[in-house]
Every structure is written in C-alpha cells, then in structure tokens.
Amino acid sequence: MADSIMRDMAKRFAKDMIFTCRDMKKEQREPALINQILRSATSIGANIHEAQYAQGEKDFISKLEIAQKECYETEYWLELLVETNCISEEKYKELRNDCGVIRRMLISSLKTIKSK
C-alpha cells in the first residue's frame, strides 16, 4: 500500500514539475536549470517505479537510494530557482514540500527494508 502511495505521489510530483518547467520555458527562464530539475524530478518516480521490478533486494534498495538522491538534487535546484526568481516563493514551498514528503517516505522505506 505505501509503495503505491509513494509511486503515485512521485508521479504527481513529476507532472507538477513538468507543468512548472513548461511555464518557465514560456517565460524564457534559465533553460539549463529547467533541464536539470526536469531530469532529477522525473527520475524520482522513474526509479521508484523501476524498483517495483527489481531483480532482488539489493537492486530494490539501489533503485530507492537513487530516487532518494534525486530528491536531494531536486531540492537543490528548487532552491536555486526560487533564489533567482524563476519561481515564486509559494510555488517553491509547494514543490519543496511535495518533494520532502516523497524523500521522507523513501528514507522510511529504506530503513525498514535494511533492518530486515
């Protein structure tokens, strides 16, 4: 159950980031930052989804750890975007919160599976 919630949240977050990046592109905001954050934000859900089909526990853990790292990277890019006025403070808080929730779910899932 928690896995599907995490996958659904990551997919929703990726879609939110795609729409945000589209808006930034229309406003001709920093294309290099847009490309970076789009890659890291969509990679979170892709790795969570891929973990579902892992070839064993080590592979499963590896995919979730990659997703966790992508969350941290995405949070960094979000900070840069808000600090350079590419996104509003309100949008930043919304996206940062969603990313943080997913990151905390990943941390919890990884702790649980590693403790077995």
Protein backbone atom coordinates (compact mmCIF):
# COMPACT_ATOMS: atom_id res chain seq x y z
CA MET A 1 0.00 0.00 0.00
CA ALA A 2 2.70 2.52 0.99
CA ASP A 3 4.63 1.72 -2.18
CA SER A 4 1.69 2.62 -4.39
CA ILE A 5 1.12 5.84 -2.42
CA MET A 6 4.79 6.75 -2.86
CA ARG A 7 4.68 5.90 -6.58
CA ASP A 8 1.50 7.93 -7.04
CA MET A 9 2.97 10.90 -5.17
CA ALA A 10 6.19 10.74 -7.18
CA LYS A 11 4.24 10.63 -10.44
CA ARG A 12 2.06 13.57 -9.40
CA PHE A 13 5.18 15.49 -8.38
CA ALA A 14 6.83 14.76 -11.74
CA LYS A 15 3.76 16.02 -13.57
CA ASP A 16 3.70 19.18 -11.43
CA MET A 17 7.37 19.75 -12.28
CA ILE A 18 6.71 19.22 -16.00
CA PHE A 19 3.96 21.84 -15.93
CA THR A 20 6.14 24.23 -13.90
CA CYS A 21 9.03 23.78 -16.32
CA ARG A 22 6.73 24.40 -19.28
CA ASP A 23 5.66 27.67 -17.69
CA MET A 24 9.27 28.67 -17.07
CA LYS A 25 10.19 27.85 -20.68
CA LYS A 26 7.37 30.08 -21.93
CA GLU A 27 8.81 32.90 -19.82
CA GLN A 28 12.27 32.13 -21.19
CA ARG A 29 13.71 31.40 -17.75
CA GLU A 30 17.06 29.67 -17.20
CA PRO A 31 16.97 26.75 -19.70
CA ALA A 32 19.95 24.96 -18.13
CA LEU A 33 18.28 24.92 -14.71
CA ILE A 34 14.98 23.84 -16.22
CA ASN A 35 16.64 20.86 -17.92
CA GLN A 36 18.49 19.87 -14.75
CA ILE A 37 15.46 19.98 -12.47
CA LEU A 38 13.24 18.27 -15.02
CA ARG A 39 15.68 15.35 -15.22
CA SER A 40 16.10 14.96 -11.45
CA ALA A 41 12.41 15.46 -10.60
CA THR A 42 11.16 12.92 -13.13
CA SER A 43 13.89 10.46 -12.19
CA ILE A 44 12.48 10.15 -8.67
CA GLY A 45 9.30 8.46 -9.84
CA ALA A 46 11.05 6.50 -12.57
CA ASN A 47 13.39 4.88 -10.04
CA ILE A 48 10.57 4.18 -7.58
CA HIS A 49 8.61 2.56 -10.39
CA GLU A 50 11.65 0.60 -11.56
CA ALA A 51 12.23 -0.69 -8.02
CA GLN A 52 8.91 -2.47 -8.32
CA TYR A 53 10.57 -4.77 -10.86
CA ALA A 54 13.92 -5.12 -9.11
CA GLN A 55 16.00 -8.26 -9.55
CA GLY A 56 16.34 -8.84 -5.84
CA GLU A 57 16.65 -6.91 -2.61
CA LYS A 58 19.99 -5.23 -3.44
CA ASP A 59 18.61 -3.93 -6.73
CA PHE A 60 15.43 -2.75 -4.99
CA ILE A 61 17.45 -0.86 -2.38
CA SER A 62 19.70 0.62 -5.07
CA LYS A 63 16.72 1.99 -7.02
CA LEU A 64 15.20 3.57 -3.90
CA GLU A 65 18.56 5.06 -2.92
CA ILE A 66 18.88 6.60 -6.38
CA ALA A 67 15.37 8.03 -6.04
CA GLN A 68 16.34 9.48 -2.65
CA LYS A 69 19.44 11.12 -4.13
CA GLU A 70 17.32 12.58 -6.93
CA CYS A 71 15.04 14.10 -4.28
CA TYR A 72 18.00 15.83 -2.68
CA GLU A 73 19.18 17.06 -6.08
CA THR A 74 15.71 18.33 -6.97
CA GLU A 75 15.52 20.22 -3.68
CA TYR A 76 18.80 21.93 -4.57
CA TRP A 77 17.52 23.00 -8.00
CA LEU A 78 14.29 24.26 -6.43
CA GLU A 79 16.33 26.42 -4.06
CA LEU A 80 18.25 27.88 -6.98
CA LEU A 81 15.06 28.57 -8.91
CA VAL A 82 13.40 30.45 -6.07
CA GLU A 83 16.58 32.35 -5.15
CA THR A 84 16.93 33.54 -8.76
CA ASN A 85 13.25 34.49 -9.03
CA CYS A 86 12.46 31.84 -11.63
CA ILE A 87 9.60 30.52 -9.49
CA SER A 88 7.53 32.18 -6.80
CA GLU A 89 8.07 31.55 -3.11
CA GLU A 90 4.59 29.99 -2.98
CA LYS A 91 5.35 27.57 -5.82
CA TYR A 92 8.72 26.76 -4.25
CA LYS A 93 7.12 25.88 -0.90
CA GLU A 94 4.51 23.68 -2.58
CA LEU A 95 7.05 21.77 -4.67
CA ARG A 96 9.64 21.57 -1.88
CA ASN A 97 7.03 20.17 0.48
CA ASP A 98 5.91 17.51 -2.00
CA CYS A 99 9.49 16.52 -2.72
CA GLY A 100 10.24 16.39 1.01
CA VAL A 101 7.28 14.09 1.67
CA ILE A 102 8.50 11.68 -1.01
CA ARG A 103 12.06 11.86 0.34
CA ARG A 104 10.89 11.05 3.87
CA MET A 105 8.85 8.12 2.56
CA LEU A 106 11.93 6.83 0.76
CA ILE A 107 14.05 7.20 3.91
CA SER A 108 11.46 5.29 5.92
CA SER A 109 11.15 2.55 3.30
CA LEU A 110 14.91 2.15 3.10
CA LYS A 111 15.28 1.96 6.89
CA THR A 112 12.57 -0.69 7.04
CA ILE A 113 14.00 -2.90 4.31
CA LYS A 114 17.58 -2.57 5.58
CA SER A 115 16.57 -3.54 9.10
CA LYS A 116 15.26 -6.93 7.93
